[in-house]
Structures are given as structure tokens and as C-alpha cells.
């Protein structure tokens, strides 16, 4: 699954266009490297999202494209920081 779509489906970022802008702006890292919107995400990858002075790091647990609002949070495990 693409990183921009993952961020939207997992509800880390509410809209895919915002996720794409965050990737283009260098605010999303995948396994320690800046991620472009089309970069593929796999189970076990570490993602870091930074907005302003807030950031969060999490491990990808699932890349299922169909999630309900309640199950979206089960797609990742928070490592550091707080929910954005």
C-alpha cells in the first residue's frame, strides 16, 4: 500500500491530499528516510510523522485497505510521541 493511502486509511492523517503534501514537504519518514507519496509500506516498517513541534513514530502492523473507524488504530503500534 502507498504511504499516502496508508496514512489516510489508518486515520493518522485525515485526508490523502494532506498526506501527499506532508510527504512532499519532507515531514514523513519511512525507515529513517524521507518518503515520497507513492512509496510502498510493508508490515514491520517504521514511520515517523512530524507536524510543527509534534511528531510520532509507529510500526506498521497491517496494510489492509478496508478499515472501520474503530479498527483503523489497529493498523499501527505507537512507538514514540503522541497521536496527531
PDB file of N, CA and C in Angstrom:
ATOM      1  N   UNK A   1       0.845  -1.174   0.000  1.00  0.00           N
ATOM      2  CA  UNK A   1       0.000   0.000   0.000  1.00  0.00           C
ATOM      3  C   UNK A   1       0.894   1.241   0.000  1.00  0.00           C
ATOM      4  N   UNK A   2       0.477   2.269  -0.718  1.00  0.00           N
ATOM      5  CA  UNK A   2       1.219   3.531  -0.761  1.00  0.00           C
ATOM      6  C   UNK A   2       1.174   4.210   0.609  1.00  0.00           C
ATOM      7  N   UNK A   3       2.257   4.928   0.955  1.00  0.00           N
ATOM      8  CA  UNK A   3       2.324   5.595   2.258  1.00  0.00           C
ATOM      9  C   UNK A   3       1.219   6.634   2.423  1.00  0.00           C
ATOM     10  N   UNK A   4       0.898   7.392   1.359  1.00  0.00           N
ATOM     11  CA  UNK A   4      -0.149   8.411   1.495  1.00  0.00           C
ATOM     12  C   UNK A   4      -1.507   7.759   1.768  1.00  0.00           C
ATOM     13  N   UNK A   5      -1.774   6.635   1.117  1.00  0.00           N
ATOM     14  CA  UNK A   5      -3.036   5.930   1.342  1.00  0.00           C
ATOM     15  C   UNK A   5      -3.063   5.296   2.733  1.00  0.00           C
ATOM     16  N   UNK A   6      -1.931   4.738   3.166  1.00  0.00           N
ATOM     17  CA  UNK A   6      -1.863   4.145   4.498  1.00  0.00           C
ATOM     18  C   UNK A   6      -2.168   5.183   5.572  1.00  0.00           C
ATOM     19  N   UNK A   7      -1.577   6.359   5.453  1.00  0.00           N
ATOM     20  CA  UNK A   7      -1.793   7.410   6.453  1.00  0.00           C
ATOM     21  C   UNK A   7      -3.261   7.818   6.522  1.00  0.00           C
ATOM     22  N   UNK A   8      -3.940   7.813   5.384  1.00  0.00           N
ATOM     23  CA  UNK A   8      -5.356   8.168   5.348  1.00  0.00           C
ATOM     24  C   UNK A   8      -6.230   7.030   5.897  1.00  0.00           C
ATOM     25  N   UNK A   9      -5.997   5.800   5.432  1.00  0.00           N
ATOM     26  CA  UNK A   9      -6.810   4.657   5.863  1.00  0.00           C
ATOM     27  C   UNK A   9      -6.643   4.404   7.366  1.00  0.00           C
ATOM     28  N   UNK A  10      -5.435   4.576   7.884  1.00  0.00           N
ATOM     29  CA  UNK A  10      -5.181   4.350   9.315  1.00  0.00           C
ATOM     30  C   UNK A  10      -5.621   5.540  10.162  1.00  0.00           C
ATOM     31  N   UNK A  11      -6.045   6.616   9.495  1.00  0.00           N
ATOM     32  CA  UNK A  11      -6.529   7.840  10.134  1.00  0.00           C
ATOM     33  C   UNK A  11      -5.463   8.552  10.948  1.00  0.00           C
ATOM     34  N   UNK A  12      -4.199   8.346  10.602  1.00  0.00           N
ATOM     35  CA  UNK A  12      -3.122   9.152  11.178  1.00  0.00           C
ATOM     36  C   UNK A  12      -3.265  10.569  10.639  1.00  0.00           C
ATOM     37  N   UNK A  13      -3.556  10.674   9.333  1.00  0.00           N
ATOM     38  CA  UNK A  13      -3.839  11.950   8.678  1.00  0.00           C
ATOM     39  C   UNK A  13      -5.222  11.799   8.042  1.00  0.00           C
ATOM     40  N   UNK A  14      -6.062  12.814   8.189  1.00  0.00           N
ATOM     41  CA  UNK A  14      -7.475  12.683   7.820  1.00  0.00           C
ATOM     42  C   UNK A  14      -7.738  12.633   6.318  1.00  0.00           C
ATOM     43  N   UNK A  15      -6.923  13.337   5.511  1.00  0.00           N
ATOM     44  CA  UNK A  15      -7.172  13.359   4.063  1.00  0.00           C
ATOM     45  C   UNK A  15      -5.915  12.948   3.309  1.00  0.00           C
ATOM     46  N   UNK A  16      -6.112  12.232   2.208  1.00  0.00           N
ATOM     47  CA  UNK A  16      -4.983  11.748   1.409  1.00  0.00           C
ATOM     48  C   UNK A  16      -4.198  12.908   0.804  1.00  0.00           C
ATOM     49  N   UNK A  17      -4.882  13.980   0.408  1.00  0.00           N
ATOM     50  CA  UNK A  17      -4.172  15.126  -0.170  1.00  0.00           C
ATOM     51  C   UNK A  17      -3.233  15.755   0.859  1.00  0.00           C
ATOM     52  N   UNK A  18      -3.644  15.789   2.112  1.00  0.00           N
ATOM     53  CA  UNK A  18      -2.786  16.317   3.178  1.00  0.00           C
ATOM     54  C   UNK A  18      -1.596  15.379   3.395  1.00  0.00           C
ATOM     55  N   UNK A  19      -1.834  14.072   3.319  1.00  0.00           N
ATOM     56  CA  UNK A  19      -0.754  13.097   3.452  1.00  0.00           C
ATOM     57  C   UNK A  19       0.256  13.247   2.316  1.00  0.00           C
ATOM     58  N   UNK A  20      -0.232  13.490   1.094  1.00  0.00           N
ATOM     59  CA  UNK A  20       0.663  13.697  -0.046  1.00  0.00           C
ATOM     60  C   UNK A  20       1.505  14.953   0.152  1.00  0.00           C
ATOM     61  N   UNK A  21       0.879  16.030   0.624  1.00  0.00           N
ATOM     62  CA  UNK A  21       1.609  17.279   0.878  1.00  0.00           C
ATOM     63  C   UNK A  21       2.655  17.090   1.974  1.00  0.00           C
ATOM     64  N   UNK A  22       2.316  16.316   3.001  1.00  0.00           N
ATOM     65  CA  UNK A  22       3.264  16.048   4.084  1.00  0.00           C
ATOM     66  C   UNK A  22       4.478  15.280   3.558  1.00  0.00           C
ATOM     67  N   UNK A  23       4.244  14.305   2.688  1.00  0.00           N
ATOM     68  CA  UNK A  23       5.345  13.549   2.082  1.00  0.00           C
ATOM     69  C   UNK A  23       6.213  14.468   1.226  1.00  0.00           C
ATOM     70  N   UNK A  24       5.575  15.264   0.388  1.00  0.00           N
ATOM     71  CA  UNK A  24       6.316  16.178  -0.487  1.00  0.00           C
ATOM     72  C   UNK A  24       7.104  17.204   0.317  1.00  0.00           C
ATOM     73  N   UNK A  25       6.602  17.573   1.487  1.00  0.00           N
ATOM     74  CA  UNK A  25       7.268  18.553   2.345  1.00  0.00           C
ATOM     75  C   UNK A  25       8.336  17.964   3.238  1.00  0.00           C
ATOM     76  N   UNK A  26       8.578  16.649   3.136  1.00  0.00           N
ATOM     77  CA  UNK A  26       9.631  16.006   3.919  1.00  0.00           C
ATOM     78  C   UNK A  26       9.251  15.753   5.365  1.00  0.00           C
ATOM     79  N   UNK A  27       7.962  15.753   5.683  1.00  0.00           N
ATOM     80  CA  UNK A  27       7.526  15.554   7.071  1.00  0.00           C
ATOM     81  C   UNK A  27       7.198  14.100   7.392  1.00  0.00           C
ATOM     82  N   UNK A  28       7.344  13.214   6.400  1.00  0.00           N
ATOM     83  CA  UNK A  28       7.088  11.782   6.605  1.00  0.00           C
ATOM     84  C   UNK A  28       8.379  11.022   6.316  1.00  0.00           C
ATOM     85  N   UNK A  29       8.785  10.177   7.263  1.00  0.00           N
ATOM     86  CA  UNK A  29       9.954   9.323   7.068  1.00  0.00           C
ATOM     87  C   UNK A  29       9.519   7.868   7.142  1.00  0.00           C
ATOM     88  N   UNK A  30      10.086   7.060   6.280  1.00  0.00           N
ATOM     89  CA  UNK A  30       9.824   5.625   6.262  1.00  0.00           C
ATOM     90  C   UNK A  30      11.150   4.918   6.468  1.00  0.00           C
ATOM     91  N   UNK A  31      11.291   4.233   7.592  1.00  0.00           N
ATOM     92  CA  UNK A  31      12.529   3.542   7.959  1.00  0.00           C
ATOM     93  C   UNK A  31      13.723   4.501   7.942  1.00  0.00           C
ATOM     94  N   UNK A  32      13.515   5.719   8.444  1.00  0.00           N
ATOM     95  CA  UNK A  32      14.597   6.686   8.590  1.00  0.00           C
ATOM     96  C   UNK A  32      14.921   7.503   7.352  1.00  0.00           C
ATOM     97  N   UNK A  33      14.184   7.309   6.264  1.00  0.00           N
ATOM     98  CA  UNK A  33      14.444   8.054   5.029  1.00  0.00           C
ATOM     99  C   UNK A  33      13.190   8.816   4.626  1.00  0.00           C
ATOM    100  N   UNK A  34      13.344  10.016   4.048  1.00  0.00           N
ATOM    101  CA  UNK A  34      12.162  10.765   3.589  1.00  0.00           C
ATOM    102  C   UNK A  34      11.355   9.934   2.589  1.00  0.00           C
ATOM    103  N   UNK A  35      10.029   9.979   2.723  1.00  0.00           N
ATOM    104  CA  UNK A  35       9.160   9.149   1.887  1.00  0.00           C
ATOM    105  C   UNK A  35       8.378   9.996   0.894  1.00  0.00           C
ATOM    106  N   UNK A  36       8.370   9.577  -0.355  1.00  0.00           N
ATOM    107  CA  UNK A  36       7.508  10.182  -1.372  1.00  0.00           C
ATOM    108  C   UNK A  36       6.120   9.556  -1.229  1.00  0.00           C
ATOM    109  N   UNK A  37       5.064  10.234  -1.715  1.00  0.00           N
ATOM    110  CA  UNK A  37       3.701   9.718  -1.539  1.00  0.00           C
ATOM    111  C   UNK A  37       3.472   8.306  -2.092  1.00  0.00           C
ATOM    112  N   UNK A  38       4.187   7.920  -3.131  1.00  0.00           N
ATOM    113  CA  UNK A  38       3.959   6.612  -3.764  1.00  0.00           C
ATOM    114  C   UNK A  38       4.798   5.492  -3.147  1.00  0.00           C
ATOM    115  N   UNK A  39       5.608   5.790  -2.148  1.00  0.00           N
ATOM    116  CA  UNK A  39       6.461   4.775  -1.526  1.00  0.00           C
ATOM    117  C   UNK A  39       5.602   3.690  -0.890  1.00  0.00           C
ATOM    118  N   UNK A  40       5.949   2.438  -1.140  1.00  0.00           N
ATOM    119  CA  UNK A  40       5.180   1.306  -0.620  1.00  0.00           C
ATOM    120  C   UNK A  40       5.505   1.057   0.853  1.00  0.00           C
ATOM    121  N   UNK A  41       4.462   0.768   1.635  1.00  0.00           N
ATOM    122  CA  UNK A  41       4.592   0.454   3.053  1.00  0.00           C
ATOM    123  C   UNK A  41       4.344  -1.035   3.240  1.00  0.00           C
ATOM    124  N   UNK A  42       5.168  -1.673   4.089  1.00  0.00           N
ATOM    125  CA  UNK A  42       5.015  -3.093   4.386  1.00  0.00           C
ATOM    126  C   UNK A  42       4.869  -3.270   5.898  1.00  0.00           C
ATOM    127  N   UNK A  43       4.335  -4.392   6.310  1.00  0.00           N
ATOM    128  CA  UNK A  43       4.237  -4.716   7.728  1.00  0.00           C
ATOM    129  C   UNK A  43       5.646  -4.732   8.306  1.00  0.00           C
ATOM    130  N   UNK A  44       5.824  -4.086   9.454  1.00  0.00           N
ATOM    131  CA  UNK A  44       7.126  -4.022  10.108  1.00  0.00           C
ATOM    132  C   UNK A  44       7.882  -2.732   9.848  1.00  0.00           C
ATOM    133  N   UNK A  45       7.450  -1.939   8.881  1.00  0.00           N
ATOM    134  CA  UNK A  45       8.102  -0.665   8.599  1.00  0.00           C
ATOM    135  C   UNK A  45       7.873   0.309   9.752  1.00  0.00           C
ATOM    136  N   UNK A  46       8.833   1.217   9.936  1.00  0.00           N
ATOM    137  CA  UNK A  46       8.735   2.265  10.952  1.00  0.00           C
ATOM    138  C   UNK A  46       8.486   3.583  10.238  1.00  0.00           C
ATOM    139  N   UNK A  47       7.415   4.282  10.635  1.00  0.00           N
ATOM    140  CA  UNK A  47       7.022   5.544  10.020  1.00  0.00           C
ATOM    141  C   UNK A  47       7.124   6.640  11.064  1.00  0.00           C
ATOM    142  N   UNK A  48       7.694   7.787  10.673  1.00  0.00           N
ATOM    143  CA  UNK A  48       7.743   8.958  11.553  1.00  0.00           C
ATOM    144  C   UNK A  48       7.010  10.095  10.854  1.00  0.00           C
ATOM    145  N   UNK A  49       6.061  10.699  11.568  1.00  0.00           N
ATOM    146  CA  UNK A  49       5.263  11.808  11.049  1.00  0.00           C
ATOM    147  C   UNK A  49       5.552  13.023  11.911  1.00  0.00           C
ATOM    148  N   UNK A  50       5.923  14.155  11.279  1.00  0.00           N
ATOM    149  CA  UNK A  50       6.234  15.383  12.011  1.00  0.00           C
ATOM    150  C   UNK A  50       5.375  16.524  11.504  1.00  0.00           C
ATOM    151  N   UNK A  51       4.721  17.219  12.425  1.00  0.00           N
ATOM    152  CA  UNK A  51       3.951  18.424  12.107  1.00  0.00           C
ATOM    153  C   UNK A  51       4.282  19.471  13.148  1.00  0.00           C
ATOM    154  N   UNK A  52       4.921  20.561  12.722  1.00  0.00           N
ATOM    155  CA  UNK A  52       5.305  21.607  13.668  1.00  0.00           C
ATOM    156  C   UNK A  52       6.277  21.044  14.686  1.00  0.00           C
ATOM    157  N   UNK A  53       5.970  21.251  15.970  1.00  0.00           N
ATOM    158  CA  UNK A  53       6.860  20.738  17.019  1.00  0.00           C
ATOM    159  C   UNK A  53       6.378  19.383  17.555  1.00  0.00           C
ATOM    160  N   UNK A  54       5.384  18.778  16.919  1.00  0.00           N
ATOM    161  CA  UNK A  54       4.861  17.482  17.331  1.00  0.00           C
ATOM    162  C   UNK A  54       5.291  16.406  16.345  1.00  0.00           C
ATOM    163  N   UNK A  55       5.547  15.230  16.878  1.00  0.00           N
ATOM    164  CA  UNK A  55       5.885  14.113  15.992  1.00  0.00           C
ATOM    165  C   UNK A  55       5.462  12.814  16.650  1.00  0.00           C
ATOM    166  N   UNK A  56       5.316  11.806  15.817  1.00  0.00           N
ATOM    167  CA  UNK A  56       5.006  10.473  16.314  1.00  0.00           C
ATOM    168  C   UNK A  56       5.709   9.450  15.436  1.00  0.00           C
ATOM    169  N   UNK A  57       6.132   8.357  16.050  1.00  0.00           N
ATOM    170  CA  UNK A  57       6.722   7.240  15.329  1.00  0.00           C
ATOM    171  C   UNK A  57       5.886   6.012  15.629  1.00  0.00           C
ATOM    172  N   UNK A  58       5.680   5.193  14.596  1.00  0.00           N
ATOM    173  CA  UNK A  58       4.898   3.988  14.802  1.00  0.00           C
ATOM    174  C   UNK A  58       5.366   2.883  13.876  1.00  0.00           C
ATOM    175  N   UNK A  59       5.053   1.642  14.276  1.00  0.00           N
ATOM    176  CA  UNK A  59       5.353   0.460  13.477  1.00  0.00           C
ATOM    177  C   UNK A  59       4.084   0.034  12.756  1.00  0.00           C
ATOM    178  N   UNK A  60       4.208  -0.297  11.483  1.00  0.00           N
ATOM    179  CA  UNK A  60       3.072  -0.741  10.679  1.00  0.00           C
ATOM    180  C   UNK A  60       2.768  -2.197  11.031  1.00  0.00           C
ATOM    181  N   UNK A  61       1.510  -2.466  11.428  1.00  0.00           N
ATOM    182  CA  UNK A  61       1.089  -3.818  11.792  1.00  0.00           C
ATOM    183  C   UNK A  61       0.203  -4.464  10.736  1.00  0.00           C
ATOM    184  N   UNK A  62      -0.457  -3.632   9.912  1.00  0.00           N
ATOM    185  CA  UNK A  62      -1.379  -4.146   8.902  1.00  0.00           C
ATOM    186  C   UNK A  62      -1.464  -3.155   7.756  1.00  0.00           C
ATOM    187  N   UNK A  63      -1.653  -3.660   6.538  1.00  0.00           N
ATOM    188  CA  UNK A  63      -1.828  -2.787   5.372  1.00  0.00           C
ATOM    189  C   UNK A  63      -3.146  -3.103   4.669  1.00  0.00           C
ATOM    190  N   UNK A  64      -4.144  -3.510   5.449  1.00  0.00           N
ATOM    191  CA  UNK A  64      -5.472  -3.803   4.915  1.00  0.00           C
ATOM    192  C   UNK A  64      -6.130  -2.506   4.460  1.00  0.00           C
ATOM    193  N   UNK A  65      -6.638  -2.474   3.217  1.00  0.00           N
ATOM    194  CA  UNK A  65      -7.194  -1.249   2.650  1.00  0.00           C
ATOM    195  C   UNK A  65      -8.571  -0.893   3.192  1.00  0.00           C
ATOM    196  N   UNK A  66      -9.262  -1.836   3.804  1.00  0.00           N
ATOM    197  CA  UNK A  66     -10.624  -1.590   4.269  1.00  0.00           C
ATOM    198  C   UNK A  66     -10.664  -1.665   5.791  1.00  0.00           C
ATOM    199  N   UNK A  67     -10.799  -0.516   6.424  1.00  0.00           N
ATOM    200  CA  UNK A  67     -10.842  -0.436   7.873  1.00  0.00           C
ATOM    201  C   UNK A  67     -12.025   0.412   8.314  1.00  0.00           C
ATOM    202  N   UNK A  68     -12.594   0.039   9.440  1.00  0.00           N
ATOM    203  CA  UNK A  68     -13.620   0.893  10.027  1.00  0.00           C
ATOM    204  C   UNK A  68     -12.919   1.920  10.912  1.00  0.00           C
ATOM    205  N   UNK A  69     -13.657   2.913  11.329  1.00  0.00           N
ATOM    206  CA  UNK A  69     -13.086   3.943  12.190  1.00  0.00           C
ATOM    207  C   UNK A  69     -12.514   3.323  13.474  1.00  0.00           C
ATOM    208  N   UNK A  70     -13.210   2.334  14.018  1.00  0.00           N
ATOM    209  CA  UNK A  70     -12.774   1.702  15.266  1.00  0.00           C
ATOM    210  C   UNK A  70     -11.542   0.816  15.077  1.00  0.00           C
ATOM    211  N   UNK A  71     -11.412   0.173  13.920  1.00  0.00           N
ATOM    212  CA  UNK A  71     -10.296  -0.758  13.723  1.00  0.00           C
ATOM    213  C   UNK A  71      -9.071  -0.104  13.082  1.00  0.00           C
ATOM    214  N   UNK A  72      -9.178   1.149  12.673  1.00  0.00           N
ATOM    215  CA  UNK A  72      -8.060   1.820  11.991  1.00  0.00           C
ATOM    216  C   UNK A  72      -6.830   1.904  12.874  1.00  0.00           C
ATOM    217  N   UNK A  73      -7.028   2.111  14.170  1.00  0.00           N
ATOM    218  CA  UNK A  73      -5.895   2.249  15.080  1.00  0.00           C
ATOM    219  C   UNK A  73      -5.114   0.943  15.238  1.00  0.00           C
ATOM    220  N   UNK A  74      -5.724  -0.191  14.889  1.00  0.00           N
ATOM    221  CA  UNK A  74      -5.035  -1.476  14.991  1.00  0.00           C
ATOM    222  C   UNK A  74      -4.049  -1.685  13.837  1.00  0.00           C
ATOM    223  N   UNK A  75      -3.973  -0.743  12.904  1.00  0.00           N
ATOM    224  CA  UNK A  75      -3.061  -0.865  11.769  1.00  0.00           C
ATOM    225  C   UNK A  75      -1.628  -0.510  12.140  1.00  0.00           C
ATOM    226  N   UNK A  76      -1.437   0.118  13.303  1.00  0.00           N
ATOM    227  CA  UNK A  76      -0.088   0.520  13.706  1.00  0.00           C
ATOM    228  C   UNK A  76       0.053   0.470  15.223  1.00  0.00           C
ATOM    229  N   UNK A  77       1.320   0.437  15.669  1.00  0.00           N
ATOM    230  CA  UNK A  77       1.639   0.438  17.098  1.00  0.00           C
ATOM    231  C   UNK A  77       2.520   1.649  17.368  1.00  0.00           C
ATOM    232  N   UNK A  78       2.049   2.533  18.229  1.00  0.00           N
ATOM    233  CA  UNK A  78       2.776   3.744  18.560  1.00  0.00           C
ATOM    234  C   UNK A  78       4.077   3.401  19.273  1.00  0.00           C
ATOM    235  N   UNK A  79       5.191   3.984  18.806  1.00  0.00           N
ATOM    236  CA  UNK A  79       6.488   3.745  19.404  1.00  0.00           C
ATOM    237  C   UNK A  79       6.889   4.954  20.243  1.00  0.00           C
ATOM    238  N   UNK A  80       6.709   6.144  19.672  1.00  0.00           N
ATOM    239  CA  UNK A  80       7.180   7.361  20.328  1.00  0.00           C
ATOM    240  C   UNK A  80       6.259   8.505  19.955  1.00  0.00           C
ATOM    241  N   UNK A  81       6.078   9.448  20.868  1.00  0.00           N
ATOM    242  CA  UNK A  81       5.258  10.613  20.585  1.00  0.00           C
ATOM    243  C   UNK A  81       3.824  10.383  20.986  1.00  0.00           C
ATOM    244  N   UNK A  82       2.941  11.203  20.424  1.00  0.00           N
ATOM    245  CA  UNK A  82       1.518  11.124  20.737  1.00  0.00           C
ATOM    246  C   UNK A  82       0.716  11.221  19.470  1.00  0.00           C
ATOM    247  N   UNK A  83      -0.533  10.806  19.531  1.00  0.00           N
ATOM    248  CA  UNK A  83      -1.404  10.886  18.366  1.00  0.00           C
ATOM    249  C   UNK A  83      -1.488  12.318  17.869  1.00  0.00           C
ATOM    250  N   UNK A  84      -1.462  12.480  16.551  1.00  0.00           N
ATOM    251  CA  UNK A  84      -1.550  13.833  15.978  1.00  0.00           C
ATOM    252  C   UNK A  84      -2.978  14.258  15.815  1.00  0.00           C
TER     253      UNK A  84
END
